[in-house]
Structures are given as C-alpha cells and as structure tokens.
Amino acid sequence: MPYNNEYRGGRTKTRRAPQRDSDNARPRTNKRPERTNEKPAAKQTVAPLGDFIIGRHPAVEALKSTEQTINKVWLQDGIHSDAISEVLALAKERGLVVQNAPKSKLDELSDGQNHQGVVLSISAFEYAELDDLFAKAAEKDEAPFFLILDSIEDPHNLGSIMRTADAAGAHGIIIPKRRAVQLTATVAKTSTGAIEHVPVVRVTNLVNTVKELKDRGLWIFGTDMNGTDYRRWDATGPVALIIGNEGRGVAPLLKQNVDEMLTIPMIGHVQSLNASVAASLLIYQGFSSRHKL
C-alpha cells in the first residue's frame, strides 16, 4: 500500500634534514624529519566516524577483519588505484553491496573528512538469523509474529517501528540488505532501547524469505489500498506482516506471495499516514487479536 496515499555519514614546506658534524654524529635537533609518504596520513582515519569507516587503508583492514559487520561499500565515481582494487576484491569475496557515488555523497557520509574515495557503512548492532526469531517465539511458547519491512528508508521510521514491535510483543523484524535503512545509531536512538530486545534479520531476497516463511507454516499479510479492513484482521497463529516502502508500498512480487491484503480506512481530508504510525495501528491490531481481553 503506497503510504503517500494510504500510510505510510598554503603551500606545503619540506623540512630540510638537520646538519651533522660528521657521518657518526647525531643531528643537532631532536625533531624528526617530516615524512613525505602518504600511508601514515591515510591511517589517520582508522577510527570509525559514527556509523562509517573512511579511508583506503582503514577500509582494507576492516574488510579483512571477521569482527566488523559491514553493510555497504561506497566508492567514489571514476577513482582507481591498487588500494581501490583491493577494496573491491575484498568486498566481492564477502558478498557485500558496492555502491558507486559522486564525491559529494562520500563527503557527506564522511562529514567532510579525507575519505580518499572509500567509505564503509558499518553496523551499529549485530543482526540475527531467521532461526533466532523462531527460537524467540518458541521460548515464549507463542506462535511466531514477525514484521517484514519492504525497503523502509527513513531511520526514524525503522526506530519507531522497532519500539512498537517491542511493546506489542513481536518476535522480530526482517529487512532487506539493499535499498533500505540498516541498523544505525539514529535507528537505535529512535527506538529508545527497543533495538536491544527486538532481533532484526537482514536478508538478500525478501520474496525468497517470504516463501520460506510460508513453507514453515506462517500466514503472510500485506498492506494495500484495496484489501480487508485491518480491524477485521485475525492475527492468531503464526503470522508475518509486510509493511511497504514509504512511497512505493509493497513491491509487486511480494504482493504475489501474500495470503491476504489489509487496508486502513480513512475518512479525513489527508489520505495518508506516516509509515511508522500506520505500522503501529496494524501491529496493535495483531496484538489485540492475539491477546484477547
């Protein structure tokens, strides 16, 4: 359901080497000569900047590390070097998303620092596996209640949805790896701590994931302009609810794999709701049918 209609990181001087009295004498100054190679300068960006790692050498080291979760590799358009080639090779080896972008975009992500044409978008929090969501439901002795977010792009929407999901007892959230907001510091802040309690699974293909969920016994519900009034939704049993993108709604291929569509009726002049607000209404309808008074 398209939410717009329904809901919805002067000249440089070279220091002269000190004079020596003899070949074996020490320099007359304790100051070291200024280095002229570029590698030390690149290593000044080793520390991540917020949710990003910037610079060629820090990027290579992060890509080699098994401890760092990386969401996406950003490369500046038209830039080439041995270090960039190594970044590309390591990203391909790890199956990461590589996004080419103009220098202005990387300047924005790196807050104007010297990114050298490379920025890594990193995870502020660890992702779960699909089995973790089923395990959480089983631990509570409840039928699974999952949320599938189809390309939600606003981190504030994701954080708010996580907050509602935690309050309503949803067992987890599933998001795509591409073209969607990931777990960032902004998401964590907006969730007001819910990010610590709601597991988030990141998958390559939502359609394949929905098919797997159906094979595992879940009923899949989507959102659309035309569908069953959400107030009639019976969410008892194992279910997953798909919340679509803020502007485009649920993707057509996903709709083809939905068991039933739900809609939010509106009678006011503004025929739209914020994505997180609409998600909250639907999530709590699910809560109401699963937890009778």
C-alpha atoms as a PDB file:
ATOM      1  CA  MET A   1       0.000   0.000   0.000  1.00  0.00           C
ATOM      2  CA  PRO A   2       1.692   3.259  -1.038  1.00  0.00           C
ATOM      3  CA  TYR A   3       1.907   5.277   2.158  1.00  0.00           C
ATOM      4  CA  ASN A   4       1.674   8.580   0.326  1.00  0.00           C
ATOM      5  CA  ASN A   5      -1.863   7.552  -0.469  1.00  0.00           C
ATOM      6  CA  GLU A   6      -2.575   5.303   2.461  1.00  0.00           C
ATOM      7  CA  TYR A   7       0.115   5.333   5.088  1.00  0.00           C
ATOM      8  CA  ARG A   8       2.740   5.417   5.210  1.00  0.00           C
ATOM      9  CA  GLY A   9      27.989   9.712   7.287  1.00  0.00           C
ATOM     10  CA  GLY A  10      49.025  27.490   1.776  1.00  0.00           C
ATOM     11  CA  ARG A  11      51.904  25.858   0.271  1.00  0.00           C
ATOM     12  CA  THR A  12      53.471  22.809   1.979  1.00  0.00           C
ATOM     13  CA  LYS A  13      57.065  23.257   3.084  1.00  0.00           C
ATOM     14  CA  THR A  14      59.539  20.356   3.136  1.00  0.00           C
ATOM     15  CA  ARG A  15      61.741  20.377   6.219  1.00  0.00           C
ATOM     16  CA  ARG A  16      65.444  20.195   5.458  1.00  0.00           C
ATOM     17  CA  ALA A  17      67.343  17.334   7.117  1.00  0.00           C
ATOM     18  CA  PRO A  18      69.452  18.505  10.094  1.00  0.00           C
ATOM     19  CA  GLN A  19      73.160  19.162   9.568  1.00  0.00           C
ATOM     20  CA  ARG A  20      75.603  16.642  11.010  1.00  0.00           C
ATOM     21  CA  ASP A  21      79.163  17.352  12.247  1.00  0.00           C
ATOM     22  CA  SER A  22      80.289  14.002  10.905  1.00  0.00           C
ATOM     23  CA  ASP A  23      78.886  10.853   9.495  1.00  0.00           C
ATOM     24  CA  ASN A  24      78.601   9.353  13.008  1.00  0.00           C
ATOM     25  CA  ALA A  25      77.379  12.463  14.814  1.00  0.00           C
ATOM     26  CA  ARG A  26      73.772  12.876  15.962  1.00  0.00           C
ATOM     27  CA  PRO A  27      71.535  15.546  14.480  1.00  0.00           C
ATOM     28  CA  ARG A  28      71.551  18.939  16.227  1.00  0.00           C
ATOM     29  CA  THR A  29      67.802  18.718  16.705  1.00  0.00           C
ATOM     30  CA  ASN A  30      65.589  16.183  18.423  1.00  0.00           C
ATOM     31  CA  LYS A  31      62.783  16.774  15.943  1.00  0.00           C
ATOM     32  CA  ARG A  32      62.208  14.045  13.421  1.00  0.00           C
ATOM     33  CA  PRO A  33      62.235  14.889   9.725  1.00  0.00           C
ATOM     34  CA  GLU A  34      58.758  15.297   8.282  1.00  0.00           C
ATOM     35  CA  ARG A  35      57.606  12.222   6.410  1.00  0.00           C
ATOM     36  CA  THR A  36      56.556  12.622   2.812  1.00  0.00           C
ATOM     37  CA  ASN A  37      54.916   9.288   2.010  1.00  0.00           C
ATOM     38  CA  GLU A  38      51.123   9.072   2.029  1.00  0.00           C
ATOM     39  CA  LYS A  39      50.488   5.953   4.087  1.00  0.00           C
ATOM     40  CA  PRO A  40      50.656   7.485   7.577  1.00  0.00           C
ATOM     41  CA  ALA A  41      48.218  10.208   6.533  1.00  0.00           C
ATOM     42  CA  ALA A  42      45.785   7.560   5.327  1.00  0.00           C
ATOM     43  CA  LYS A  43      45.970   5.745   8.649  1.00  0.00           C
ATOM     44  CA  GLN A  44      44.716   8.816  10.491  1.00  0.00           C
ATOM     45  CA  THR A  45      41.193   7.684   9.574  1.00  0.00           C
ATOM     46  CA  VAL A  46      41.409   4.272  11.215  1.00  0.00           C
ATOM     47  CA  ALA A  47      38.730   5.073  13.781  1.00  0.00           C
ATOM     48  CA  PRO A  48      35.159   4.806  12.512  1.00  0.00           C
ATOM     49  CA  LEU A  49      33.251   8.059  12.106  1.00  0.00           C
ATOM     50  CA  GLY A  50      29.857   7.388  13.644  1.00  0.00           C
ATOM     51  CA  ASP A  51      28.416   4.575  11.506  1.00  0.00           C
ATOM     52  CA  PHE A  52      31.178   4.779   8.889  1.00  0.00           C
ATOM     53  CA  ILE A  53      34.810   3.836   8.337  1.00  0.00           C
ATOM     54  CA  ILE A  54      36.641   6.182   5.993  1.00  0.00           C
ATOM     55  CA  GLY A  55      39.912   5.977   4.065  1.00  0.00           C
ATOM     56  CA  ARG A  56      41.506   3.324   1.872  1.00  0.00           C
ATOM     57  CA  HIS A  57      43.779   1.602   4.392  1.00  0.00           C
ATOM     58  CA  PRO A  58      41.201   1.543   7.232  1.00  0.00           C
ATOM     59  CA  ALA A  59      38.671   0.159   4.762  1.00  0.00           C
ATOM     60  CA  VAL A  60      41.004  -2.646   3.697  1.00  0.00           C
ATOM     61  CA  GLU A  61      41.722  -3.583   7.313  1.00  0.00           C
ATOM     62  CA  ALA A  62      38.004  -3.551   8.198  1.00  0.00           C
ATOM     63  CA  LEU A  63      37.179  -5.728   5.185  1.00  0.00           C
ATOM     64  CA  LYS A  64      39.843  -8.224   6.226  1.00  0.00           C
ATOM     65  CA  SER A  65      38.505  -8.377   9.782  1.00  0.00           C
ATOM     66  CA  THR A  66      35.950 -11.000  10.732  1.00  0.00           C
ATOM     67  CA  GLU A  67      34.871  -8.903  13.735  1.00  0.00           C
ATOM     68  CA  GLN A  68      33.419  -5.986  11.767  1.00  0.00           C
ATOM     69  CA  THR A  69      29.935  -6.164  10.277  1.00  0.00           C
ATOM     70  CA  ILE A  70      29.770  -4.060   7.104  1.00  0.00           C
ATOM     71  CA  ASN A  71      26.531  -3.026   5.448  1.00  0.00           C
ATOM     72  CA  LYS A  72      27.754  -1.363   2.273  1.00  0.00           C
ATOM     73  CA  VAL A  73      30.909  -0.214   0.484  1.00  0.00           C
ATOM     74  CA  TRP A  74      30.772   3.284  -1.015  1.00  0.00           C
ATOM     75  CA  LEU A  75      33.265   4.100  -3.784  1.00  0.00           C
ATOM     76  CA  GLN A  76      33.785   7.461  -5.456  1.00  0.00           C
ATOM     77  CA  ASP A  77      32.943   7.574  -9.151  1.00  0.00           C
ATOM     78  CA  GLY A  78      35.928   7.401 -11.510  1.00  0.00           C
ATOM     79  CA  ILE A  79      38.576   6.722  -8.883  1.00  0.00           C
ATOM     80  CA  HIS A  80      41.148   3.961  -9.455  1.00  0.00           C
ATOM     81  CA  SER A  81      44.165   2.672  -7.520  1.00  0.00           C
ATOM     82  CA  ASP A  82      45.664  -0.553  -6.218  1.00  0.00           C
ATOM     83  CA  ALA A  83      44.003   0.093  -2.855  1.00  0.00           C
ATOM     84  CA  ILE A  84      40.593   0.584  -4.521  1.00  0.00           C
ATOM     85  CA  SER A  85      41.084  -2.657  -6.446  1.00  0.00           C
ATOM     86  CA  GLU A  86      41.862  -4.428  -3.174  1.00  0.00           C
ATOM     87  CA  VAL A  87      38.746  -2.954  -1.573  1.00  0.00           C
ATOM     88  CA  LEU A  88      36.645  -4.216  -4.489  1.00  0.00           C
ATOM     89  CA  ALA A  89      38.186  -7.694  -4.338  1.00  0.00           C
ATOM     90  CA  LEU A  90      37.636  -7.990  -0.577  1.00  0.00           C
ATOM     91  CA  ALA A  91      34.059  -6.700  -0.860  1.00  0.00           C
ATOM     92  CA  LYS A  92      33.315  -9.235  -3.604  1.00  0.00           C
ATOM     93  CA  GLU A  93      34.826 -12.016  -1.501  1.00  0.00           C
ATOM     94  CA  ARG A  94      32.472 -11.114   1.370  1.00  0.00           C
ATOM     95  CA  GLY A  95      29.456 -10.669  -0.901  1.00  0.00           C
ATOM     96  CA  LEU A  96      28.956  -7.043   0.107  1.00  0.00           C
ATOM     97  CA  VAL A  97      26.924  -4.395  -1.682  1.00  0.00           C
ATOM     98  CA  VAL A  98      29.202  -1.930  -3.521  1.00  0.00           C
ATOM     99  CA  GLN A  99      27.709   1.468  -4.357  1.00  0.00           C
ATOM    100  CA  ASN A 100      29.403   3.972  -6.682  1.00  0.00           C
ATOM    101  CA  ALA A 101      28.570   7.590  -5.897  1.00  0.00           C
ATOM    102  CA  PRO A 102      29.820  11.114  -6.635  1.00  0.00           C
ATOM    103  CA  LYS A 103      32.446  12.681  -4.386  1.00  0.00           C
ATOM    104  CA  SER A 104      29.819  14.944  -2.841  1.00  0.00           C
ATOM    105  CA  LYS A 105      27.953  11.924  -1.449  1.00  0.00           C
ATOM    106  CA  LEU A 106      31.084  10.496   0.164  1.00  0.00           C
ATOM    107  CA  ASP A 107      31.938  13.958   1.531  1.00  0.00           C
ATOM    108  CA  GLU A 108      28.505  13.971   3.175  1.00  0.00           C
ATOM    109  CA  LEU A 109      28.888  10.484   4.639  1.00  0.00           C
ATOM    110  CA  SER A 110      32.382  11.248   5.988  1.00  0.00           C
ATOM    111  CA  ASP A 111      31.398  14.666   7.363  1.00  0.00           C
ATOM    112  CA  GLY A 112      33.911  16.366   5.072  1.00  0.00           C
ATOM    113  CA  GLN A 113      36.907  14.326   6.155  1.00  0.00           C
ATOM    114  CA  ASN A 114      39.505  12.876   3.808  1.00  0.00           C
ATOM    115  CA  HIS A 115      37.805   9.674   2.679  1.00  0.00           C
ATOM    116  CA  GLN A 116      40.186   9.002  -0.268  1.00  0.00           C
ATOM    117  CA  GLY A 117      37.258   7.738  -2.311  1.00  0.00           C
ATOM    118  CA  VAL A 118      36.225   4.945   0.103  1.00  0.00           C
ATOM    119  CA  VAL A 119      33.578   4.865   2.839  1.00  0.00           C
ATOM    120  CA  LEU A 120      32.281   1.754   4.594  1.00  0.00           C
ATOM    121  CA  SER A 121      28.832   1.781   6.130  1.00  0.00           C
ATOM    122  CA  ILE A 122      29.066  -0.357   9.243  1.00  0.00           C
ATOM    123  CA  SER A 123      26.607  -1.911  11.653  1.00  0.00           C
ATOM    124  CA  ALA A 124      25.940  -0.265  14.972  1.00  0.00           C
ATOM    125  CA  PHE A 125      24.358  -3.527  16.181  1.00  0.00           C
ATOM    126  CA  GLU A 126      24.561  -7.195  15.330  1.00  0.00           C
ATOM    127  CA  TYR A 127      21.962  -8.834  13.106  1.00  0.00           C
ATOM    128  CA  ALA A 128      20.102 -12.013  13.966  1.00  0.00           C
ATOM    129  CA  GLU A 129      19.357 -15.112  11.886  1.00  0.00           C
ATOM    130  CA  LEU A 130      15.875 -16.205  10.859  1.00  0.00           C
ATOM    131  CA  ASP A 131      16.067 -19.181  13.207  1.00  0.00           C
ATOM    132  CA  ASP A 132      16.651 -16.747  16.094  1.00  0.00           C
ATOM    133  CA  LEU A 133      13.173 -15.288  15.523  1.00  0.00           C
ATOM    134  CA  PHE A 134      11.560 -18.723  15.638  1.00  0.00           C
ATOM    135  CA  ALA A 135      13.594 -19.546  18.749  1.00  0.00           C
ATOM    136  CA  LYS A 136      12.355 -16.386  20.495  1.00  0.00           C
ATOM    137  CA  ALA A 137       8.745 -17.304  19.759  1.00  0.00           C
ATOM    138  CA  ALA A 138       9.306 -20.865  20.982  1.00  0.00           C
ATOM    139  CA  GLU A 139      10.983 -19.594  24.144  1.00  0.00           C
ATOM    140  CA  LYS A 140       7.811 -17.631  24.938  1.00  0.00           C
ATOM    141  CA  ASP A 141       5.628 -20.551  23.894  1.00  0.00           C
ATOM    142  CA  GLU A 142       3.880 -18.298  21.357  1.00  0.00           C
ATOM    143  CA  ALA A 143       3.036 -18.567  17.695  1.00  0.00           C
ATOM    144  CA  PRO A 144       5.508 -16.520  15.627  1.00  0.00           C
ATOM    145  CA  PHE A 145       4.609 -12.896  14.941  1.00  0.00           C
ATOM    146  CA  PHE A 146       7.140 -11.328  12.558  1.00  0.00           C
ATOM    147  CA  LEU A 147       7.333  -7.989  10.761  1.00  0.00           C
ATOM    148  CA  ILE A 148       8.734  -7.736   7.227  1.00  0.00           C
ATOM    149  CA  LEU A 149       9.779  -4.219   6.230  1.00  0.00           C
ATOM    150  CA  ASP A 150       9.914  -3.808   2.468  1.00  0.00           C
ATOM    151  CA  SER A 151      12.563  -1.134   1.845  1.00  0.00           C
ATOM    152  CA  ILE A 152      11.804   1.282   4.677  1.00  0.00           C
ATOM    153  CA  GLU A 153      14.265   4.141   4.056  1.00  0.00           C
ATOM    154  CA  ASP A 154      13.832   6.537   6.991  1.00  0.00           C
ATOM    155  CA  PRO A 155      15.837   5.530  10.091  1.00  0.00           C
ATOM    156  CA  HIS A 156      13.305   7.284  12.315  1.00  0.00           C
ATOM    157  CA  ASN A 157      10.536   5.110  10.880  1.00  0.00           C
ATOM    158  CA  LEU A 158      12.539   1.946  11.500  1.00  0.00           C
ATOM    159  CA  GLY A 159      13.354   3.011  15.061  1.00  0.00           C
ATOM    160  CA  SER A 160       9.722   3.813  15.790  1.00  0.00           C
ATOM    161  CA  ILE A 161       8.523   0.527  14.312  1.00  0.00           C
ATOM    162  CA  MET A 162      11.034  -1.342  16.485  1.00  0.00           C
ATOM    163  CA  ARG A 163       9.687   0.475  19.544  1.00  0.00           C
ATOM    164  CA  THR A 164       6.113  -0.564  18.746  1.00  0.00           C
ATOM    165  CA  ALA A 165       7.195  -4.110  17.857  1.00  0.00           C
ATOM    166  CA  ASP A 166       8.810  -4.499  21.271  1.00  0.00           C
ATOM    167  CA  ALA A 167       5.792  -3.066  23.078  1.00  0.00           C
ATOM    168  CA  ALA A 168       3.395  -5.390  21.217  1.00  0.00           C
ATOM    169  CA  GLY A 169       5.499  -8.499  21.690  1.00  0.00           C
ATOM    170  CA  ALA A 170       6.542  -9.100  18.070  1.00  0.00           C
ATOM    171  CA  HIS A 171       9.273 -11.696  17.862  1.00  0.00           C
ATOM    172  CA  GLY A 172      11.440  -9.947  15.293  1.00  0.00           C
ATOM    173  CA  ILE A 173      11.834  -7.854  12.179  1.00  0.00           C
ATOM    174  CA  ILE A 174      13.082  -8.826   8.719  1.00  0.00           C
ATOM    175  CA  ILE A 175      14.643  -6.205   6.420  1.00  0.00           C
ATOM    176  CA  PRO A 176      16.392  -6.371   3.026  1.00  0.00           C
ATOM    177  CA  LYS A 177      20.124  -5.763   2.606  1.00  0.00           C
ATOM    178  CA  ARG A 178      19.653  -3.403  -0.331  1.00  0.00           C
ATOM    179  CA  ARG A 179      17.777  -0.153  -0.792  1.00  0.00           C
ATOM    180  CA  ALA A 180      16.666   0.072   2.829  1.00  0.00           C
ATOM    181  CA  VAL A 181      17.846   1.649   6.057  1.00  0.00           C
ATOM    182  CA  GLN A 182      20.016  -0.608   8.216  1.00  0.00           C
ATOM    183  CA  LEU A 183      20.700  -0.631  11.952  1.00  0.00           C
ATOM    184  CA  THR A 184      22.359   2.709  12.642  1.00  0.00           C
ATOM    185  CA  ALA A 185      22.911   4.966  15.645  1.00  0.00           C
ATOM    186  CA  THR A 186      19.891   7.034  14.578  1.00  0.00           C
ATOM    187  CA  VAL A 187      17.707   3.919  14.489  1.00  0.00           C
ATOM    188  CA  ALA A 188      18.995   2.912  17.928  1.00  0.00           C
ATOM    189  CA  LYS A 189      18.250   6.342  19.391  1.00  0.00           C
ATOM    190  CA  THR A 190      14.755   6.494  17.917  1.00  0.00           C
ATOM    191  CA  SER A 191      13.962   3.001  19.196  1.00  0.00           C
ATOM    192  CA  THR A 192      14.640   4.184  22.788  1.00  0.00           C
ATOM    193  CA  GLY A 193      16.266   0.877  23.685  1.00  0.00           C
ATOM    194  CA  ALA A 194      13.975  -1.457  21.752  1.00  0.00           C
ATOM    195  CA  ILE A 195      16.863  -2.301  19.422  1.00  0.00           C
ATOM    196  CA  GLU A 196      18.336  -4.321  22.299  1.00  0.00           C
ATOM    197  CA  HIS A 197      15.233  -6.509  22.535  1.00  0.00           C
ATOM    198  CA  VAL A 198      13.853  -6.892  19.008  1.00  0.00           C
ATOM    199  CA  PRO A 199      16.048  -9.112  16.805  1.00  0.00           C
ATOM    200  CA  VAL A 200      16.493  -7.877  13.238  1.00  0.00           C
ATOM    201  CA  VAL A 201      17.256 -10.255  10.378  1.00  0.00           C
ATOM    202  CA  ARG A 202      18.818  -8.924   7.182  1.00  0.00           C
ATOM    203  CA  VAL A 203      18.141 -10.958   4.030  1.00  0.00           C
ATOM    204  CA  THR A 204      19.205 -10.762   0.403  1.00  0.00           C
ATOM    205  CA  ASN A 205      15.808 -11.504  -1.131  1.00  0.00           C
ATOM    206  CA  LEU A 206      12.501 -10.771   0.618  1.00  0.00           C
ATOM    207  CA  VAL A 207      10.455 -12.813  -1.856  1.00  0.00           C
ATOM    208  CA  ASN A 208      12.521 -15.943  -1.176  1.00  0.00           C
ATOM    209  CA  THR A 209      12.312 -15.280   2.559  1.00  0.00           C
ATOM    210  CA  VAL A 210       8.514 -14.973   2.403  1.00  0.00           C
ATOM    211  CA  LYS A 211       8.334 -18.280   0.532  1.00  0.00           C
ATOM    212  CA  GLU A 212      10.489 -19.895   3.224  1.00  0.00           C
ATOM    213  CA  LEU A 213       8.249 -18.498   5.954  1.00  0.00           C
ATOM    214  CA  LYS A 214       5.184 -19.909   4.226  1.00  0.00           C
ATOM    215  CA  ASP A 215       6.893 -23.296   3.964  1.00  0.00           C
ATOM    216  CA  ARG A 216       7.482 -23.077   7.723  1.00  0.00           C
ATOM    217  CA  GLY A 217       3.805 -22.533   8.407  1.00  0.00           C
ATOM    218  CA  LEU A 218       3.345 -18.766   8.549  1.00  0.00           C
ATOM    219  CA  TRP A 219       0.464 -16.843   7.017  1.00  0.00           C
ATOM    220  CA  ILE A 220       1.647 -13.716   5.231  1.00  0.00           C
ATOM    221  CA  PHE A 221      -0.317 -10.470   5.356  1.00  0.00           C
ATOM    222  CA  GLY A 222       0.440  -7.385   3.293  1.00  0.00           C
ATOM    223  CA  THR A 223      -0.830  -3.822   3.065  1.00  0.00           C
ATOM    224  CA  ASP A 224      -2.517  -2.214   0.098  1.00  0.00           C
ATOM    225  CA  MET A 225      -5.082   0.425  -0.926  1.00  0.00           C
ATOM    226  CA  ASN A 226      -7.510  -2.387  -1.587  1.00  0.00           C
ATOM    227  CA  GLY A 227      -7.861  -5.100   0.985  1.00  0.00           C
ATOM    228  CA  THR A 228      -9.613  -6.290   4.105  1.00  0.00           C
ATOM    229  CA  ASP A 229     -10.296  -3.667   6.751  1.00  0.00           C
ATOM    230  CA  TYR A 230      -7.405  -4.093   9.180  1.00  0.00           C
ATOM    231  CA  ARG A 231      -9.834  -4.101  12.107  1.00  0.00           C
ATOM    232  CA  ARG A 232     -11.059  -7.492  10.904  1.00  0.00           C
ATOM    233  CA  TRP A 233      -7.552  -8.966  10.871  1.00  0.00           C
ATOM    234  CA  ASP A 234      -7.238 -12.126  12.936  1.00  0.00           C
ATOM    235  CA  ALA A 235      -3.530 -12.482  13.668  1.00  0.00           C
ATOM    236  CA  THR A 236      -3.794 -15.572  15.833  1.00  0.00           C
ATOM    237  CA  GLY A 237      -1.453 -18.351  14.826  1.00  0.00           C
ATOM    238  CA  PRO A 238       1.911 -17.978  13.068  1.00  0.00           C
ATOM    239  CA  VAL A 239       1.855 -14.767  11.011  1.00  0.00           C
ATOM    240  CA  ALA A 240       4.111 -12.237   9.318  1.00  0.00           C
ATOM    241  CA  LEU A 241       3.025  -8.709   8.411  1.00  0.00           C
ATOM    242  CA  ILE A 242       4.629  -6.850   5.493  1.00  0.00           C
ATOM    243  CA  ILE A 243       4.971  -3.064   5.819  1.00  0.00           C
ATOM    244  CA  GLY A 244       5.790  -1.427   2.488  1.00  0.00           C
ATOM    245  CA  ASN A 245       8.123   1.368   1.448  1.00  0.00           C
ATOM    246  CA  GLU A 246       7.156   4.937   2.410  1.00  0.00           C
ATOM    247  CA  GLY A 247       6.429   5.917  -1.181  1.00  0.00           C
ATOM    248  CA  ARG A 248       6.007   2.783  -3.283  1.00  0.00           C
ATOM    249  CA  GLY A 249       4.288   0.487  -0.829  1.00  0.00           C
ATOM    250  CA  VAL A 250       4.749  -3.283  -1.035  1.00  0.00           C
ATOM    251  CA  ALA A 251       6.658  -4.443  -4.111  1.00  0.00           C
ATOM    252  CA  PRO A 252       4.548  -6.238  -6.762  1.00  0.00           C
ATOM    253  CA  LEU A 253       6.500  -9.509  -6.479  1.00  0.00           C
ATOM    254  CA  LEU A 254       5.922  -9.565  -2.731  1.00  0.00           C
ATOM    255  CA  LYS A 255       2.216  -8.953  -3.213  1.00  0.00           C
ATOM    256  CA  GLN A 256       2.012 -12.084  -5.330  1.00  0.00           C
ATOM    257  CA  ASN A 257       3.133 -14.128  -2.309  1.00  0.00           C
ATOM    258  CA  VAL A 258       0.774 -12.572   0.246  1.00  0.00           C
ATOM    259  CA  ASP A 259      -2.124 -14.578   1.622  1.00  0.00           C
ATOM    260  CA  GLU A 260      -4.292 -11.550   2.360  1.00  0.00           C
ATOM    261  CA  MET A 261      -4.080  -7.774   1.952  1.00  0.00           C
ATOM    262  CA  LEU A 262      -5.058  -5.354   4.711  1.00  0.00           C
ATOM    263  CA  THR A 263      -6.070  -1.708   4.396  1.00  0.00           C
ATOM    264  CA  ILE A 264      -6.544   1.171   6.802  1.00  0.00           C
ATOM    265  CA  PRO A 265      -9.794   3.046   6.047  1.00  0.00           C
ATOM    266  CA  MET A 266      -9.645   6.845   6.135  1.00  0.00           C
ATOM    267  CA  ILE A 267     -12.417   9.410   6.045  1.00  0.00           C
ATOM    268  CA  GLY A 268     -10.455  12.619   6.634  1.00  0.00           C
ATOM    269  CA  HIS A 269      -9.071  15.120   4.140  1.00  0.00           C
ATOM    270  CA  VAL A 270      -5.483  13.844   4.401  1.00  0.00           C
ATOM    271  CA  GLN A 271      -5.443  10.355   2.922  1.00  0.00           C
ATOM    272  CA  SER A 272      -2.026   9.356   4.216  1.00  0.00           C
ATOM    273  CA  LEU A 273      -0.284   8.279   7.387  1.00  0.00           C
ATOM    274  CA  ASN A 274       3.361   8.164   8.361  1.00  0.00           C
ATOM    275  CA  ALA A 275       4.798   4.679   7.797  1.00  0.00           C
ATOM    276  CA  SER A 276       5.595   4.113  11.465  1.00  0.00           C
ATOM    277  CA  VAL A 277       2.145   5.336  12.560  1.00  0.00           C
ATOM    278  CA  ALA A 278       0.402   3.018  10.105  1.00  0.00           C
ATOM    279  CA  ALA A 279       2.639   0.143  11.163  1.00  0.00           C
ATOM    280  CA  SER A 280       1.710   0.817  14.792  1.00  0.00           C
ATOM    281  CA  LEU A 281      -2.003   0.563  14.033  1.00  0.00           C
ATOM    282  CA  LEU A 282      -1.550  -2.754  12.257  1.00  0.00           C
ATOM    283  CA  ILE A 283       0.850  -4.174  14.846  1.00  0.00           C
ATOM    284  CA  TYR A 284      -1.572  -3.392  17.652  1.00  0.00           C
ATOM    285  CA  GLN A 285      -4.450  -4.920  15.785  1.00  0.00           C
ATOM    286  CA  GLY A 286      -2.302  -8.031  15.652  1.00  0.00           C
ATOM    287  CA  PHE A 287      -1.672  -7.675  19.379  1.00  0.00           C
ATOM    288  CA  SER A 288      -5.406  -7.262  20.114  1.00  0.00           C
ATOM    289  CA  SER A 289      -6.389 -10.414  18.247  1.00  0.00           C
ATOM    290  CA  ARG A 290      -3.590 -12.435  19.841  1.00  0.00           C
ATOM    291  CA  HIS A 291      -4.238 -11.172  23.386  1.00  0.00           C
ATOM    292  CA  LYS A 292      -7.971 -11.066  23.984  1.00  0.00           C
ATOM    293  CA  LEU A 293      -9.411  -9.039  26.858  1.00  0.00           C
END
